[in-house]
Amino acid sequence: MSARQLEAYYTTRELADMLHVHPETIRRAARRGDLRSVRFGHDRRYSESAVKEWLAHLNGDTTGRAA
């Protein structure tokens, strides 16, 4: 039986700090549907795979891989 790794999830603030952008930039991308997220209480959570897809999209990569 193989071990499965849990995917990391980030809050809006954590993601904004990691990417050096304003939290509103993250919120806007989620509202537009460009960045997949899930509601968790009053905040949203963003999966690592969703962030990678969004960054790849911003870089013009149609394969879904972040640079």
N, C-alpha and C. Protein backbone atom coordinates (compact mmCIF):
# COMPACT_ATOMS: atom_id res chain seq x y z
N MET A 1 0.84 -1.18 0.00
CA MET A 1 0.00 0.00 0.00
C MET A 1 0.88 1.24 0.00
N SER A 2 0.64 2.17 -0.91
CA SER A 2 1.47 3.37 -1.01
C SER A 2 0.92 4.49 -0.12
N ALA A 3 1.82 5.30 0.38
CA ALA A 3 1.42 6.45 1.22
C ALA A 3 0.96 7.58 0.31
N ARG A 4 -0.12 8.23 0.72
CA ARG A 4 -0.63 9.35 -0.07
C ARG A 4 -0.29 10.64 0.65
N GLN A 5 0.13 11.61 -0.09
CA GLN A 5 0.50 12.90 0.48
C GLN A 5 -0.69 13.85 0.40
N LEU A 6 -0.95 14.55 1.49
CA LEU A 6 -2.03 15.54 1.50
C LEU A 6 -1.57 16.80 0.79
N GLU A 7 -2.48 17.39 0.04
CA GLU A 7 -2.17 18.61 -0.68
C GLU A 7 -2.24 19.80 0.27
N ALA A 8 -1.34 20.75 0.10
CA ALA A 8 -1.32 21.95 0.92
C ALA A 8 -2.42 22.91 0.48
N TYR A 9 -3.01 23.59 1.44
CA TYR A 9 -4.01 24.62 1.18
C TYR A 9 -3.56 25.90 1.86
N TYR A 10 -3.82 27.04 1.22
CA TYR A 10 -3.37 28.33 1.73
C TYR A 10 -4.54 29.27 1.94
N THR A 11 -4.43 30.14 2.94
CA THR A 11 -5.42 31.19 3.12
C THR A 11 -5.11 32.30 2.12
N THR A 12 -6.03 33.23 2.01
CA THR A 12 -5.83 34.37 1.11
C THR A 12 -4.57 35.13 1.51
N ARG A 13 -4.41 35.39 2.79
CA ARG A 13 -3.25 36.15 3.29
C ARG A 13 -1.95 35.39 3.05
N GLU A 14 -1.94 34.09 3.34
CA GLU A 14 -0.73 33.28 3.13
C GLU A 14 -0.31 33.30 1.67
N LEU A 15 -1.29 33.11 0.79
CA LEU A 15 -0.98 33.09 -0.64
C LEU A 15 -0.50 34.44 -1.13
N ALA A 16 -1.14 35.50 -0.69
CA ALA A 16 -0.72 36.85 -1.07
C ALA A 16 0.70 37.12 -0.61
N ASP A 17 1.02 36.73 0.61
CA ASP A 17 2.38 36.94 1.13
C ASP A 17 3.40 36.13 0.34
N MET A 18 3.07 34.88 0.01
CA MET A 18 3.98 34.02 -0.75
C MET A 18 4.27 34.58 -2.13
N LEU A 19 3.22 35.15 -2.76
CA LEU A 19 3.36 35.65 -4.14
C LEU A 19 3.71 37.13 -4.20
N HIS A 20 3.80 37.77 -3.03
CA HIS A 20 4.14 39.20 -2.95
C HIS A 20 3.14 40.06 -3.72
N VAL A 21 1.86 39.77 -3.50
CA VAL A 21 0.78 40.56 -4.10
C VAL A 21 -0.19 40.96 -2.99
N HIS A 22 -1.07 41.89 -3.29
CA HIS A 22 -2.08 42.32 -2.34
C HIS A 22 -3.15 41.22 -2.23
N PRO A 23 -3.69 41.00 -1.04
CA PRO A 23 -4.73 39.97 -0.89
C PRO A 23 -5.93 40.18 -1.82
N GLU A 24 -6.23 41.42 -2.16
CA GLU A 24 -7.36 41.68 -3.06
C GLU A 24 -7.10 41.08 -4.45
N THR A 25 -5.85 41.01 -4.85
CA THR A 25 -5.50 40.39 -6.14
C THR A 25 -5.93 38.92 -6.14
N ILE A 26 -5.70 38.24 -5.03
CA ILE A 26 -6.09 36.84 -4.89
C ILE A 26 -7.61 36.72 -4.89
N ARG A 27 -8.27 37.58 -4.13
CA ARG A 27 -9.73 37.54 -4.04
C ARG A 27 -10.38 37.78 -5.40
N ARG A 28 -9.86 38.73 -6.15
CA ARG A 28 -10.42 39.03 -7.48
C ARG A 28 -10.28 37.83 -8.42
N ALA A 29 -9.13 37.20 -8.39
CA ALA A 29 -8.91 36.03 -9.25
C ALA A 29 -9.89 34.92 -8.89
N ALA A 30 -10.17 34.75 -7.61
CA ALA A 30 -11.12 33.73 -7.18
C ALA A 30 -12.54 34.11 -7.61
N ARG A 31 -12.91 35.38 -7.46
CA ARG A 31 -14.25 35.81 -7.87
C ARG A 31 -14.47 35.64 -9.37
N ARG A 32 -13.44 35.90 -10.16
CA ARG A 32 -13.53 35.75 -11.62
C ARG A 32 -13.57 34.28 -12.03
N GLY A 33 -13.17 33.40 -11.12
CA GLY A 33 -13.11 31.98 -11.46
C GLY A 33 -11.78 31.56 -12.04
N ASP A 34 -10.81 32.47 -12.04
CA ASP A 34 -9.48 32.15 -12.56
C ASP A 34 -8.69 31.29 -11.59
N LEU A 35 -8.96 31.44 -10.30
CA LEU A 35 -8.26 30.71 -9.25
C LEU A 35 -9.28 29.92 -8.45
N ARG A 36 -9.21 28.59 -8.56
CA ARG A 36 -10.15 27.74 -7.83
C ARG A 36 -9.93 27.88 -6.33
N SER A 37 -11.03 27.89 -5.59
CA SER A 37 -10.94 27.99 -4.14
C SER A 37 -12.15 27.34 -3.50
N VAL A 38 -12.05 27.12 -2.19
CA VAL A 38 -13.18 26.61 -1.42
C VAL A 38 -13.39 27.54 -0.23
N ARG A 39 -14.66 27.73 0.13
CA ARG A 39 -14.99 28.56 1.30
C ARG A 39 -14.72 27.75 2.55
N PHE A 40 -14.12 28.41 3.52
CA PHE A 40 -13.84 27.79 4.80
C PHE A 40 -14.08 28.86 5.85
N GLY A 41 -15.27 28.88 6.42
CA GLY A 41 -15.63 29.96 7.33
C GLY A 41 -15.81 31.25 6.54
N HIS A 42 -15.15 32.30 7.00
CA HIS A 42 -15.25 33.60 6.32
C HIS A 42 -14.16 33.80 5.28
N ASP A 43 -13.28 32.86 5.15
CA ASP A 43 -12.16 32.99 4.23
C ASP A 43 -12.25 31.91 3.16
N ARG A 44 -11.36 31.98 2.22
CA ARG A 44 -11.24 30.96 1.19
C ARG A 44 -9.92 30.25 1.38
N ARG A 45 -9.87 29.03 0.88
CA ARG A 45 -8.63 28.25 0.88
C ARG A 45 -8.32 27.90 -0.57
N TYR A 46 -7.04 27.95 -0.88
CA TYR A 46 -6.57 27.71 -2.24
C TYR A 46 -5.61 26.52 -2.21
N SER A 47 -5.91 25.51 -3.01
CA SER A 47 -5.04 24.33 -3.04
C SER A 47 -3.78 24.64 -3.83
N GLU A 48 -2.74 23.91 -3.51
CA GLU A 48 -1.48 24.10 -4.20
C GLU A 48 -1.62 23.86 -5.70
N SER A 49 -2.41 22.85 -6.07
CA SER A 49 -2.59 22.56 -7.50
C SER A 49 -3.36 23.69 -8.19
N ALA A 50 -4.33 24.29 -7.51
CA ALA A 50 -5.08 25.40 -8.09
C ALA A 50 -4.17 26.60 -8.30
N VAL A 51 -3.28 26.84 -7.35
CA VAL A 51 -2.34 27.96 -7.46
C VAL A 51 -1.40 27.73 -8.64
N LYS A 52 -0.89 26.51 -8.78
CA LYS A 52 0.01 26.20 -9.89
C LYS A 52 -0.69 26.39 -11.23
N GLU A 53 -1.94 25.94 -11.33
CA GLU A 53 -2.70 26.11 -12.57
C GLU A 53 -2.91 27.59 -12.89
N TRP A 54 -3.24 28.38 -11.86
CA TRP A 54 -3.47 29.81 -12.05
C TRP A 54 -2.19 30.50 -12.50
N LEU A 55 -1.07 30.18 -11.87
CA LEU A 55 0.20 30.80 -12.26
C LEU A 55 0.59 30.41 -13.68
N ALA A 56 0.34 29.15 -14.05
CA ALA A 56 0.63 28.71 -15.41
C ALA A 56 -0.23 29.48 -16.40
N HIS A 57 -1.49 29.68 -16.05
CA HIS A 57 -2.41 30.45 -16.91
C HIS A 57 -1.90 31.88 -17.07
N LEU A 58 -1.43 32.48 -15.99
CA LEU A 58 -0.91 33.85 -16.05
C LEU A 58 0.33 33.93 -16.93
N ASN A 59 1.11 32.85 -16.95
CA ASN A 59 2.34 32.80 -17.76
C ASN A 59 2.07 32.39 -19.20
N GLY A 60 0.79 32.13 -19.52
CA GLY A 60 0.45 31.75 -20.88
C GLY A 60 0.72 30.30 -21.21
N ASP A 61 0.93 29.48 -20.18
CA ASP A 61 1.20 28.06 -20.38
C ASP A 61 -0.13 27.30 -20.46
N THR A 62 -0.42 26.71 -21.59
CA THR A 62 -1.70 26.00 -21.77
C THR A 62 -1.62 24.57 -21.29
N THR A 63 -0.43 24.10 -20.84
CA THR A 63 -0.31 22.72 -20.37
C THR A 63 -0.70 22.58 -18.91
N GLY A 64 -0.86 23.72 -18.19
CA GLY A 64 -1.25 23.68 -16.79
C GLY A 64 -0.09 23.54 -15.82
N ARG A 65 1.14 23.70 -16.34
CA ARG A 65 2.31 23.60 -15.46
C ARG A 65 2.88 24.99 -15.22
N ALA A 66 3.14 25.29 -13.96
CA ALA A 66 3.72 26.59 -13.61
C ALA A 66 5.20 26.59 -13.96
N ALA A 67 5.70 27.76 -14.30
CA ALA A 67 7.12 27.89 -14.65
C ALA A 67 8.00 27.89 -13.42
